[in-house]
Amino acid sequence: FFSLQSQLSQALNGLSDRAKEAKEFLVQLRNMVQQIQENSVEFEACLVAQCDALIDALNRRKAQLLSRVNKEHEHKLKVVRDQISHCTVKLRQTTGLMEYCLEVIKENDPSGFLQISDALIRRVHLTEDQWGKGTLTPRMTTDFDLNLDNAPLLQSIHQLDFVQMKVSSPVPAPPILQLEECCTHNNSATLSWKQPPLSTVQVEGYILELDDGNGGQFREVYVGKETMCTVDGLHFNSTYSARVKAFNKTGVSPYSKTLVLQTSEDTQSEEQTLPFPVPLERSQLRRMSPFSSTLNLQPSFPGRSYFELRSSAHQLSLHSSLQSLNSAGEPIAWFSFDPASAHADIIFSNDNLTVTCNSYDDRVVLGKTGFSKGLHYWELSIDRYDNHPDPAFGVARIDVLKDAMLGKDDKAWAMYVDNNRSWFMHNNSHTNRTEGGITKGATVGVLLDLTRRTLTFSINEDQQGPVAFENLEGLFFPAVSLNRNVQV
């Protein structure tokens, strides 16, 4: 009896071990389900990005080929039109000569006819010779001798497929956030990371993720090989969580520890670093330098209006926006000009608060702070204004053209102004000429209302023209274009 009990007990112990292993295996399988879902989302995103890149490249090539077709079209039309013009002139001359000869033939005076007949005969023969071989042959064909050989590309598209990756190395280890180099400045956040010191696994790139500043879902803000990234256009006075992971051909690493950053809310100068690790703690990182400068963002003081009250409803609304900005106690965000993104001809001084240019051509410089939401107002003062140039003020994308007047391309929205009048310009389209210009000492105000998605300008605190631009959306940087005759 006891022997049988002992045998059953031993058998149960073995079965218990198997059950424990089965439970652990089920946990592993459930983790695999989650990992497969995450990897599927990442793989789909990568696939979409690669296909979109191919589509973009094809669209760019299509535009280039269409440009060649248009050039061939213009060339053919010019040749045919020139031949039409030439033939029309010759036909008119020939017709005139024929009419004159017919009148001479009708002449009844033989002596008068004999005097001019020889000359007329020679002139007729000469004119006939001018209509010689090739004159009445088209110099241009109507066919377009341009054949697009798309067969190799179509074949490549049909052969486009996945390459099975062989597991040759493990996935990377989680990156380590470099807390001493992570900081915020106004509404921008800079994050830095590195691989663990003893890690020997090859890394092909990193994926940086931020939440929405309100405890929401994470989203990718950077994918690439760099180990430092600055994210612009965040909300002011908001708390963001950030994390990063590494990837190679084998797969994606686990996430790093989560770092929490606080964007700026006032002008108090403060910079601090955080002890590692910082798991989801509401700690603040700031890097700010308050100053008073030629270029600054000024508050709306009680009882002071930046624009005159006029009859239109929107101007009343504009004034109300500024007053509500003041009454709400919104933060003041100081920023300077950005040498890193400016044209090489821009000259900086006064701690990058003052700019001019060493070229007679217009050059562009941006502010360091980008805006994507909210109501923002700043002023620029004209320190020098010689020979009546046309400086331009407004907002732009980070990749705006730097060697042309602001507003020449579709990446900038601007007002350019001389000593008498101004115009609004976007994508090289000039609108709303308005009387009133600038002189030395003048102040140009820019009101970017990303709640209403509008851009409005002022000169010496009076609104200049109507609302300049509407339906603005995205990330915008303060921008100026000027030449050597202007300093702001």
Protein backbone atom coordinates (compact mmCIF):
# COMPACT_ATOMS: atom_id res chain seq x y z
CA PHE A 1 0.00 0.00 0.00
CA PHE A 2 2.68 2.47 1.05
CA SER A 3 4.78 1.50 -1.94
CA LEU A 4 1.90 2.28 -4.28
CA GLN A 5 1.35 5.64 -2.55
CA SER A 6 5.01 6.50 -3.01
CA GLN A 7 4.88 5.60 -6.69
CA LEU A 8 1.73 7.69 -7.22
CA SER A 9 3.29 10.63 -5.37
CA GLN A 10 6.41 10.48 -7.56
CA ALA A 11 4.24 10.26 -10.68
CA LEU A 12 2.24 13.31 -9.53
CA ASN A 13 5.46 15.25 -8.95
CA GLY A 14 6.53 14.54 -12.52
CA LEU A 15 3.11 15.52 -13.83
CA SER A 16 3.19 18.69 -11.73
CA ASP A 17 6.51 19.64 -13.28
CA ARG A 18 5.02 19.15 -16.75
CA ALA A 19 1.99 21.30 -15.81
CA LYS A 20 4.27 24.06 -14.52
CA GLU A 21 6.29 23.93 -17.73
CA ALA A 22 3.04 24.06 -19.72
CA LYS A 23 1.92 27.20 -17.86
CA GLU A 24 5.26 28.89 -18.51
CA PHE A 25 5.03 27.84 -22.14
CA LEU A 26 1.54 29.35 -22.40
CA VAL A 27 2.87 32.62 -20.99
CA GLN A 28 5.64 32.51 -23.58
CA LEU A 29 3.12 31.87 -26.37
CA ARG A 30 0.92 34.75 -25.20
CA ASN A 31 3.96 37.03 -25.17
CA MET A 32 4.72 35.84 -28.68
CA VAL A 33 1.20 36.85 -29.76
CA GLN A 34 1.81 40.38 -28.44
CA GLN A 35 5.27 40.55 -30.01
CA ILE A 36 3.93 39.28 -33.34
CA GLN A 37 1.26 42.01 -33.30
CA GLU A 38 3.81 44.71 -32.49
CA ASN A 39 6.28 43.43 -35.09
CA SER A 40 3.47 43.24 -37.67
CA VAL A 41 2.55 46.89 -37.10
CA GLU A 42 6.19 47.96 -37.39
CA PHE A 43 6.75 45.80 -40.47
CA GLU A 44 3.64 47.18 -42.16
CA ALA A 45 4.74 50.73 -41.39
CA CYS A 46 8.18 50.02 -42.85
CA LEU A 47 6.64 48.45 -45.95
CA VAL A 48 4.30 51.41 -46.47
CA ALA A 49 7.19 53.85 -46.04
CA GLN A 50 9.33 51.97 -48.59
CA CYS A 51 6.49 51.81 -51.13
CA ASP A 52 5.65 55.48 -50.56
CA ALA A 53 9.30 56.34 -51.20
CA LEU A 54 9.15 54.44 -54.51
CA ILE A 55 5.94 56.26 -55.44
CA ASP A 56 7.51 59.62 -54.59
CA ALA A 57 10.55 58.79 -56.71
CA LEU A 58 8.28 57.77 -59.60
CA ASN A 59 6.28 60.99 -59.30
CA ARG A 60 9.46 63.06 -59.35
CA ARG A 61 10.66 61.18 -62.43
CA LYS A 62 7.25 61.67 -64.06
CA ALA A 63 7.54 65.41 -63.51
CA GLN A 64 11.00 65.43 -65.10
CA LEU A 65 9.78 63.46 -68.13
CA LEU A 66 6.74 65.72 -68.52
CA SER A 67 9.07 68.69 -68.49
CA ARG A 68 11.03 67.18 -71.38
CA VAL A 69 7.80 66.57 -73.30
CA ASN A 70 6.76 70.18 -72.73
CA LYS A 71 10.12 71.43 -73.99
CA GLU A 72 9.78 69.29 -77.12
CA HIS A 73 6.23 70.59 -77.56
CA GLU A 74 7.36 74.24 -77.32
CA HIS A 75 10.25 73.60 -79.72
CA LYS A 76 7.99 72.05 -82.35
CA LEU A 77 5.45 74.86 -82.06
CA LYS A 78 8.18 77.50 -82.43
CA VAL A 79 9.63 75.91 -85.56
CA VAL A 80 6.19 75.53 -87.21
CA ARG A 81 5.08 79.04 -86.24
CA ASP A 82 8.33 80.52 -87.59
CA GLN A 83 7.79 78.66 -90.86
CA ILE A 84 4.17 79.87 -91.02
CA SER A 85 5.31 83.46 -90.54
CA HIS A 86 8.07 83.14 -93.15
CA CYS A 87 5.79 81.47 -95.69
CA THR A 88 3.04 84.05 -95.13
CA VAL A 89 5.41 86.93 -95.89
CA LYS A 90 6.71 85.26 -99.06
CA LEU A 91 3.18 84.41 -100.21
CA ARG A 92 2.11 88.00 -99.70
CA GLN A 93 5.08 89.22 -101.79
CA THR A 94 4.39 86.65 -104.52
CA THR A 95 0.71 87.52 -104.68
CA GLY A 96 1.53 91.21 -104.96
CA LEU A 97 3.97 90.55 -107.80
CA MET A 98 1.38 88.44 -109.65
CA GLU A 99 -1.26 91.15 -109.35
CA TYR A 100 1.17 93.76 -110.65
CA CYS A 101 2.20 91.56 -113.60
CA LEU A 102 -1.46 91.02 -114.56
CA GLU A 103 -2.00 94.77 -114.60
CA VAL A 104 1.08 95.24 -116.80
CA ILE A 105 -0.15 92.58 -119.27
CA LYS A 106 -3.34 94.60 -119.68
CA GLU A 107 -1.28 97.66 -120.70
CA ASN A 108 -2.10 98.67 -124.35
CA ASP A 109 1.04 100.74 -124.85
CA PRO A 110 3.63 98.42 -126.46
CA SER A 111 6.54 100.80 -125.88
CA GLY A 112 5.83 101.06 -122.13
CA PHE A 113 5.42 97.29 -121.87
CA LEU A 114 8.76 96.70 -123.64
CA GLN A 115 10.54 99.01 -121.19
CA ILE A 116 9.61 96.95 -118.09
CA SER A 117 8.95 93.47 -119.48
CA ASP A 118 12.53 92.17 -119.22
CA ALA A 119 12.88 93.29 -115.61
CA LEU A 120 9.51 91.81 -114.70
CA ILE A 121 10.32 88.48 -116.33
CA ARG A 122 13.61 88.27 -114.37
CA ARG A 123 11.82 89.17 -111.13
CA VAL A 124 9.15 86.54 -111.75
CA HIS A 125 11.80 83.86 -112.39
CA LEU A 126 13.75 84.94 -109.30
CA THR A 127 10.63 84.77 -107.13
CA GLU A 128 9.79 81.37 -108.55
CA ASP A 129 13.29 80.13 -107.76
CA GLN A 130 12.85 81.29 -104.14
CA TRP A 131 9.97 78.82 -103.88
CA GLY A 132 12.46 76.10 -104.61
CA LYS A 133 12.90 72.66 -103.23
CA GLY A 134 12.22 72.41 -99.52
CA THR A 135 10.47 75.73 -99.13
CA LEU A 136 7.05 74.11 -99.10
CA THR A 137 8.16 71.14 -97.00
CA PRO A 138 7.43 71.17 -93.24
CA ARG A 139 10.59 71.63 -91.21
CA MET A 140 9.11 69.75 -88.25
CA THR A 141 7.14 66.54 -87.86
CA THR A 142 4.04 66.32 -85.71
CA ASP A 143 5.23 63.10 -84.08
CA PHE A 144 6.97 63.12 -80.72
CA ASP A 145 10.05 60.95 -81.06
CA LEU A 146 10.09 60.14 -77.38
CA ASN A 147 9.44 56.53 -76.46
CA LEU A 148 9.22 55.72 -72.78
CA ASP A 149 10.87 52.39 -72.06
CA ASN A 150 9.01 51.31 -68.94
CA ALA A 151 9.36 47.56 -69.45
CA PRO A 152 12.38 47.11 -67.11
CA LEU A 153 10.66 49.12 -64.37
CA LEU A 154 7.42 47.17 -64.70
CA GLN A 155 9.38 43.94 -64.55
CA SER A 156 11.15 45.15 -61.40
CA ILE A 157 7.84 46.10 -59.82
CA HIS A 158 6.39 42.65 -60.58
CA GLN A 159 9.51 41.05 -59.12
CA LEU A 160 9.38 43.22 -55.98
CA ASP A 161 9.19 40.78 -53.07
CA PHE A 162 10.42 40.17 -49.55
CA VAL A 163 13.92 38.92 -48.92
CA GLN A 164 13.98 36.33 -46.17
CA MET A 165 16.28 37.54 -43.45
CA LYS A 166 18.53 34.95 -41.88
CA VAL A 167 19.03 35.24 -38.18
CA SER A 168 22.74 35.85 -37.88
CA SER A 169 22.81 37.80 -34.65
CA PRO A 170 20.53 38.52 -31.71
CA VAL A 171 18.37 41.62 -31.43
CA PRO A 172 20.04 44.69 -29.90
CA ALA A 173 19.96 45.49 -26.23
CA PRO A 174 17.72 48.35 -25.04
CA PRO A 175 19.40 51.76 -25.57
CA ILE A 176 20.37 53.91 -22.60
CA LEU A 177 19.08 57.50 -22.46
CA GLN A 178 21.89 60.03 -21.87
CA LEU A 179 20.14 62.06 -19.19
CA GLU A 180 22.87 64.67 -18.93
CA GLU A 181 22.29 65.58 -22.60
CA CYS A 182 18.45 65.40 -22.60
CA CYS A 183 16.76 68.76 -22.14
CA THR A 184 13.91 71.02 -23.26
CA HIS A 185 14.07 74.55 -24.67
CA ASN A 186 10.82 76.49 -25.06
CA ASN A 187 8.58 73.95 -26.85
CA SER A 188 11.39 71.78 -28.23
CA ALA A 189 12.84 68.64 -26.65
CA THR A 190 16.30 67.21 -27.31
CA LEU A 191 16.95 63.56 -26.48
CA SER A 192 20.20 61.62 -26.60
CA TRP A 193 20.88 57.91 -26.16
CA LYS A 194 23.58 55.25 -26.60
CA GLN A 195 24.03 51.49 -26.67
CA PRO A 196 25.03 49.72 -23.44
CA PRO A 197 28.83 49.86 -23.01
CA LEU A 198 29.36 46.08 -23.18
CA SER A 199 26.97 45.44 -26.06
CA THR A 200 28.56 43.91 -29.17
CA VAL A 201 25.37 43.43 -31.19
CA GLN A 202 25.25 45.41 -34.43
CA VAL A 203 22.59 48.16 -34.52
CA GLU A 204 21.18 49.49 -37.80
CA GLY A 205 19.07 52.29 -36.34
CA TYR A 206 16.84 53.62 -33.61
CA ILE A 207 13.15 54.44 -33.17
CA LEU A 208 12.29 57.37 -30.88
CA GLU A 209 8.73 57.62 -29.56
CA LEU A 210 6.88 60.41 -27.71
CA ASP A 211 3.39 60.48 -26.29
CA ASP A 212 0.95 63.36 -26.95
CA GLY A 213 1.90 65.35 -23.86
CA ASN A 214 -1.29 64.33 -22.12
CA GLY A 215 -0.64 60.70 -21.21
CA GLY A 216 -1.87 59.41 -24.57
CA GLN A 217 -0.48 56.83 -26.93
CA PHE A 218 3.16 56.87 -28.04
CA ARG A 219 3.97 57.72 -31.65
CA GLU A 220 7.17 57.54 -33.67
CA VAL A 221 8.92 60.88 -34.11
CA TYR A 222 12.29 59.69 -35.46
CA VAL A 223 13.67 56.60 -37.20
CA GLY A 224 17.33 56.60 -38.20
CA LYS A 225 20.97 56.00 -37.28
CA GLU A 226 21.57 59.16 -35.23
CA THR A 227 21.74 58.96 -31.44
CA MET A 228 20.38 62.45 -30.81
CA CYS A 229 17.14 64.06 -31.96
CA THR A 230 15.43 67.43 -31.37
CA VAL A 231 11.63 67.43 -31.61
CA ASP A 232 10.07 70.85 -32.36
CA GLY A 233 6.53 72.13 -32.20
CA LEU A 234 5.48 70.58 -28.87
CA HIS A 235 2.89 72.13 -26.57
CA PHE A 236 4.13 74.68 -24.04
CA ASN A 237 3.78 73.81 -20.36
CA SER A 238 3.18 70.12 -21.12
CA THR A 239 4.67 66.89 -19.82
CA TYR A 240 5.90 64.40 -22.43
CA SER A 241 7.09 60.82 -22.02
CA ALA A 242 9.86 59.59 -24.31
CA ARG A 243 11.38 56.19 -25.01
CA VAL A 244 13.68 54.70 -27.63
CA LYS A 245 14.46 51.25 -29.01
CA ALA A 246 17.12 49.86 -31.38
CA PHE A 247 16.73 47.58 -34.37
CA ASN A 248 18.77 45.46 -36.80
CA LYS A 249 17.98 42.83 -39.42
CA THR A 250 17.10 40.34 -36.71
CA GLY A 251 14.50 42.41 -34.95
CA VAL A 252 13.73 45.22 -32.52
CA SER A 253 15.09 45.62 -29.00
CA PRO A 254 12.96 46.22 -25.92
CA TYR A 255 12.30 49.86 -25.06
CA SER A 256 14.66 51.94 -23.00
CA LYS A 257 13.49 53.31 -19.67
CA THR A 258 10.85 56.02 -20.10
CA LEU A 259 12.00 59.61 -19.61
CA VAL A 260 9.54 62.40 -18.73
CA LEU A 261 10.23 65.97 -19.92
CA GLN A 262 8.45 69.24 -19.16
CA THR A 263 8.27 71.95 -21.84
CA SER A 264 8.74 75.58 -20.84
CA GLU A 265 6.08 77.62 -19.10
CA ASP A 266 7.80 80.87 -18.05
CA THR A 267 11.01 82.87 -18.42
CA GLN A 268 12.79 81.58 -15.34
CA SER A 269 16.22 80.38 -16.35
CA GLU A 270 16.74 76.83 -15.20
CA GLU A 271 18.66 73.84 -16.42
CA GLN A 272 18.91 70.56 -14.59
CA THR A 273 19.67 66.93 -15.23
CA LEU A 274 17.93 63.90 -13.86
CA PRO A 275 19.41 60.95 -12.02
CA PHE A 276 19.16 57.65 -13.88
CA PRO A 277 16.84 55.76 -13.98
CA VAL A 278 13.69 57.90 -14.25
CA PRO A 279 10.77 55.49 -14.71
CA LEU A 280 7.61 57.50 -15.45
CA GLU A 281 8.32 60.13 -12.82
CA ARG A 282 6.98 63.65 -13.38
CA SER A 283 10.37 65.35 -13.40
CA GLN A 284 11.26 68.52 -15.26
CA LEU A 285 14.09 69.22 -17.66
CA ARG A 286 14.59 72.79 -18.83
CA ARG A 287 17.18 74.78 -20.70
CA MET A 288 16.16 78.42 -21.13
CA SER A 289 17.96 81.74 -21.49
CA PRO A 290 15.69 84.79 -20.97
CA PHE A 291 16.85 88.02 -22.54
CA SER A 292 15.62 91.31 -23.92
CA SER A 293 16.48 91.71 -27.55
CA THR A 294 15.83 93.19 -30.95
CA LEU A 295 13.81 90.08 -31.81
CA ASN A 296 11.53 88.95 -29.04
CA LEU A 297 8.06 87.74 -28.23
CA GLN A 298 6.32 90.42 -26.19
CA PRO A 299 3.35 90.00 -23.86
CA SER A 300 0.10 91.88 -24.32
CA PHE A 301 -0.08 94.31 -21.42
CA PRO A 302 -3.41 95.34 -19.82
CA GLY A 303 -5.06 98.22 -21.61
CA ARG A 304 -2.75 98.06 -24.60
CA SER A 305 -3.92 97.00 -28.05
CA TYR A 306 -1.51 95.78 -30.70
CA PHE A 307 -4.00 96.62 -33.45
CA GLU A 308 -6.49 99.46 -33.82
CA LEU A 309 -10.14 98.64 -33.30
CA ARG A 310 -11.73 98.87 -36.73
CA SER A 311 -15.08 98.03 -38.19
CA SER A 312 -14.54 94.48 -39.45
CA ALA A 313 -15.60 91.58 -37.27
CA HIS A 314 -12.33 89.75 -37.74
CA GLN A 315 -10.26 92.74 -36.59
CA LEU A 316 -12.37 92.92 -33.44
CA SER A 317 -11.83 89.18 -33.03
CA LEU A 318 -8.11 89.65 -33.59
CA HIS A 319 -7.94 92.21 -30.80
CA SER A 320 -9.95 89.92 -28.56
CA SER A 321 -7.49 87.09 -29.23
CA LEU A 322 -4.59 89.21 -28.05
CA GLN A 323 -6.46 90.41 -25.00
CA SER A 324 -7.47 86.86 -24.10
CA LEU A 325 -3.85 85.83 -24.52
CA ASN A 326 -2.92 88.45 -21.96
CA SER A 327 -5.75 87.73 -19.52
CA ALA A 328 -5.04 83.99 -19.57
CA GLY A 329 -1.51 84.65 -18.33
CA GLU A 330 0.07 82.71 -21.21
CA PRO A 331 3.84 82.11 -21.11
CA ILE A 332 6.43 84.23 -22.86
CA ALA A 333 8.74 82.14 -25.04
CA TRP A 334 12.04 83.76 -25.90
CA PHE A 335 13.85 82.76 -29.05
CA SER A 336 16.75 83.93 -31.16
CA PHE A 337 17.75 83.52 -34.80
CA ASP A 338 19.11 80.11 -35.77
CA PRO A 339 22.57 80.07 -37.41
CA ALA A 340 22.32 76.32 -38.09
CA SER A 341 19.44 76.67 -40.57
CA ALA A 342 20.30 80.10 -42.04
CA HIS A 343 21.91 80.93 -45.39
CA ALA A 344 25.68 81.28 -45.23
CA ASP A 345 25.46 84.99 -46.17
CA ILE A 346 23.50 85.88 -43.02
CA ILE A 347 25.55 87.80 -40.43
CA PHE A 348 24.67 87.28 -36.74
CA SER A 349 25.42 89.58 -33.82
CA ASN A 350 24.12 90.44 -30.35
CA ASP A 351 23.98 86.76 -29.30
CA ASN A 352 22.09 85.83 -32.50
CA LEU A 353 19.35 88.38 -31.72
CA THR A 354 20.32 90.73 -34.56
CA VAL A 355 20.86 89.79 -38.22
CA THR A 356 21.89 91.40 -41.48
CA CYS A 357 23.46 90.01 -44.67
CA ASN A 358 26.67 90.41 -46.68
CA SER A 359 24.90 89.97 -50.04
CA TYR A 360 22.74 92.28 -52.14
CA ASP A 361 20.50 89.26 -52.83
CA ASP A 362 17.76 88.24 -50.40
CA ARG A 363 18.73 85.56 -47.87
CA VAL A 364 16.54 83.73 -45.33
CA VAL A 365 17.04 83.16 -41.61
CA LEU A 366 14.69 81.30 -39.24
CA GLY A 367 13.96 81.55 -35.54
CA LYS A 368 14.95 78.65 -33.30
CA THR A 369 11.44 77.93 -32.01
CA GLY A 370 8.76 76.19 -34.08
CA PHE A 371 5.02 76.44 -33.44
CA SER A 372 2.32 73.91 -34.31
CA LYS A 373 -0.55 74.90 -31.98
CA GLY A 374 -1.80 77.90 -30.06
CA LEU A 375 -1.68 81.69 -30.44
CA HIS A 376 1.74 83.32 -30.93
CA TYR A 377 2.80 86.95 -31.46
CA TRP A 378 6.26 88.45 -31.91
CA GLU A 379 7.76 91.73 -33.08
CA LEU A 380 10.87 92.61 -35.06
CA SER A 381 12.41 96.07 -35.05
CA ILE A 382 14.19 97.56 -38.06
CA ASP A 383 17.66 98.70 -36.94
CA ARG A 384 18.89 99.77 -40.40
CA TYR A 385 17.05 100.45 -43.67
CA ASP A 386 19.06 101.82 -46.61
CA ASN A 387 18.23 102.29 -50.31
CA HIS A 388 14.61 101.09 -49.97
CA PRO A 389 15.04 97.28 -50.08
CA ASP A 390 12.16 94.79 -49.68
CA PRO A 391 12.66 92.71 -46.52
CA ALA A 392 10.08 89.98 -45.89
CA PHE A 393 8.67 88.76 -42.57
CA GLY A 394 6.52 85.76 -41.75
CA VAL A 395 6.69 82.03 -41.07
CA ALA A 396 8.23 79.10 -42.91
CA ARG A 397 8.88 75.39 -42.86
CA ILE A 398 12.33 74.26 -41.78
CA ASP A 399 13.24 73.31 -45.41
CA VAL A 400 12.29 76.66 -46.97
CA LEU A 401 14.52 78.06 -49.74
CA LYS A 402 17.31 80.06 -48.10
CA ASP A 403 18.65 81.89 -51.20
CA ALA A 404 15.49 83.72 -52.31
CA MET A 405 12.98 86.19 -50.90
CA LEU A 406 10.72 84.67 -48.26
CA GLY A 407 7.51 83.50 -49.96
CA LYS A 408 9.07 82.58 -53.31
CA ASP A 409 8.33 78.89 -52.71
CA ASP A 410 5.45 76.97 -51.13
CA LYS A 411 7.32 76.58 -47.82
CA ALA A 412 6.86 80.18 -46.62
CA TRP A 413 4.02 82.65 -45.91
CA ALA A 414 5.27 86.23 -45.77
CA MET A 415 4.70 89.96 -46.07
CA TYR A 416 7.37 91.85 -47.99
CA VAL A 417 7.45 95.61 -47.60
CA ASP A 418 9.30 98.68 -48.85
CA ASN A 419 9.14 102.31 -47.66
CA ASN A 420 5.68 102.89 -49.19
CA ARG A 421 3.63 99.68 -49.38
CA SER A 422 3.51 95.95 -48.74
CA TRP A 423 2.38 92.71 -50.37
CA PHE A 424 1.61 89.23 -49.09
CA MET A 425 3.46 86.39 -50.85
CA HIS A 426 3.26 82.59 -50.83
CA ASN A 427 4.49 80.24 -53.57
CA ASN A 428 5.61 83.33 -55.57
CA SER A 429 2.02 84.64 -55.69
CA HIS A 430 1.68 88.34 -54.74
CA THR A 431 -1.58 89.55 -53.21
CA ASN A 432 -3.19 92.42 -51.28
CA ARG A 433 -1.03 95.43 -52.05
CA THR A 434 -1.43 97.74 -49.06
CA GLU A 435 -0.22 101.31 -48.59
CA GLY A 436 2.15 101.96 -45.70
CA GLY A 437 5.79 100.94 -45.44
CA ILE A 438 8.73 100.79 -43.05
CA THR A 439 11.64 103.02 -42.10
CA LYS A 440 14.51 102.72 -39.67
CA GLY A 441 13.07 102.16 -36.20
CA ALA A 442 9.81 100.66 -37.43
CA THR A 443 8.32 97.57 -35.78
CA VAL A 444 6.83 94.65 -37.70
CA GLY A 445 4.44 92.40 -35.76
CA VAL A 446 3.52 88.83 -36.71
CA LEU A 447 0.43 87.13 -35.25
CA LEU A 448 0.26 83.38 -35.87
CA ASP A 449 -3.09 82.03 -34.69
CA LEU A 450 -2.99 78.26 -35.12
CA THR A 451 -6.36 77.92 -33.41
CA ARG A 452 -8.03 79.88 -36.21
CA ARG A 453 -5.18 78.79 -38.57
CA THR A 454 -4.51 82.38 -39.70
CA LEU A 455 -1.51 84.70 -40.12
CA THR A 456 -1.80 88.49 -39.68
CA PHE A 457 0.79 91.29 -39.86
CA SER A 458 1.16 94.73 -38.30
CA ILE A 459 3.48 97.71 -38.83
CA ASN A 460 4.05 99.99 -35.83
CA GLU A 461 1.17 98.25 -33.99
CA ASP A 462 -1.40 98.90 -36.77
CA GLN A 463 -2.73 95.92 -38.70
CA GLN A 464 -1.31 95.89 -42.24
CA GLY A 465 -3.94 94.77 -44.74
CA PRO A 466 -6.52 92.03 -44.14
CA VAL A 467 -5.84 88.59 -42.72
CA ALA A 468 -2.85 87.54 -44.81
CA PHE A 469 -3.22 83.75 -44.90
CA GLU A 470 -5.78 81.18 -43.76
CA ASN A 471 -5.96 77.39 -43.39
CA LEU A 472 -2.43 77.13 -41.99
CA GLU A 473 -1.54 73.77 -40.52
CA GLY A 474 1.70 72.10 -39.48
CA LEU A 475 4.97 73.26 -37.91
CA PHE A 476 6.00 76.89 -38.54
CA PHE A 477 9.18 78.79 -37.65
CA PRO A 478 9.48 82.59 -37.46
CA ALA A 479 11.30 83.69 -40.63
CA VAL A 480 12.89 86.78 -42.20
CA SER A 481 14.53 87.45 -45.56
CA LEU A 482 16.80 90.48 -46.04
CA ASN A 483 19.89 91.77 -47.82
CA ARG A 484 22.83 93.92 -46.78
CA ASN A 485 20.72 97.10 -46.80
CA VAL A 486 18.63 95.89 -43.83
CA GLN A 487 19.34 94.94 -40.22
CA VAL A 488 16.66 93.61 -37.85
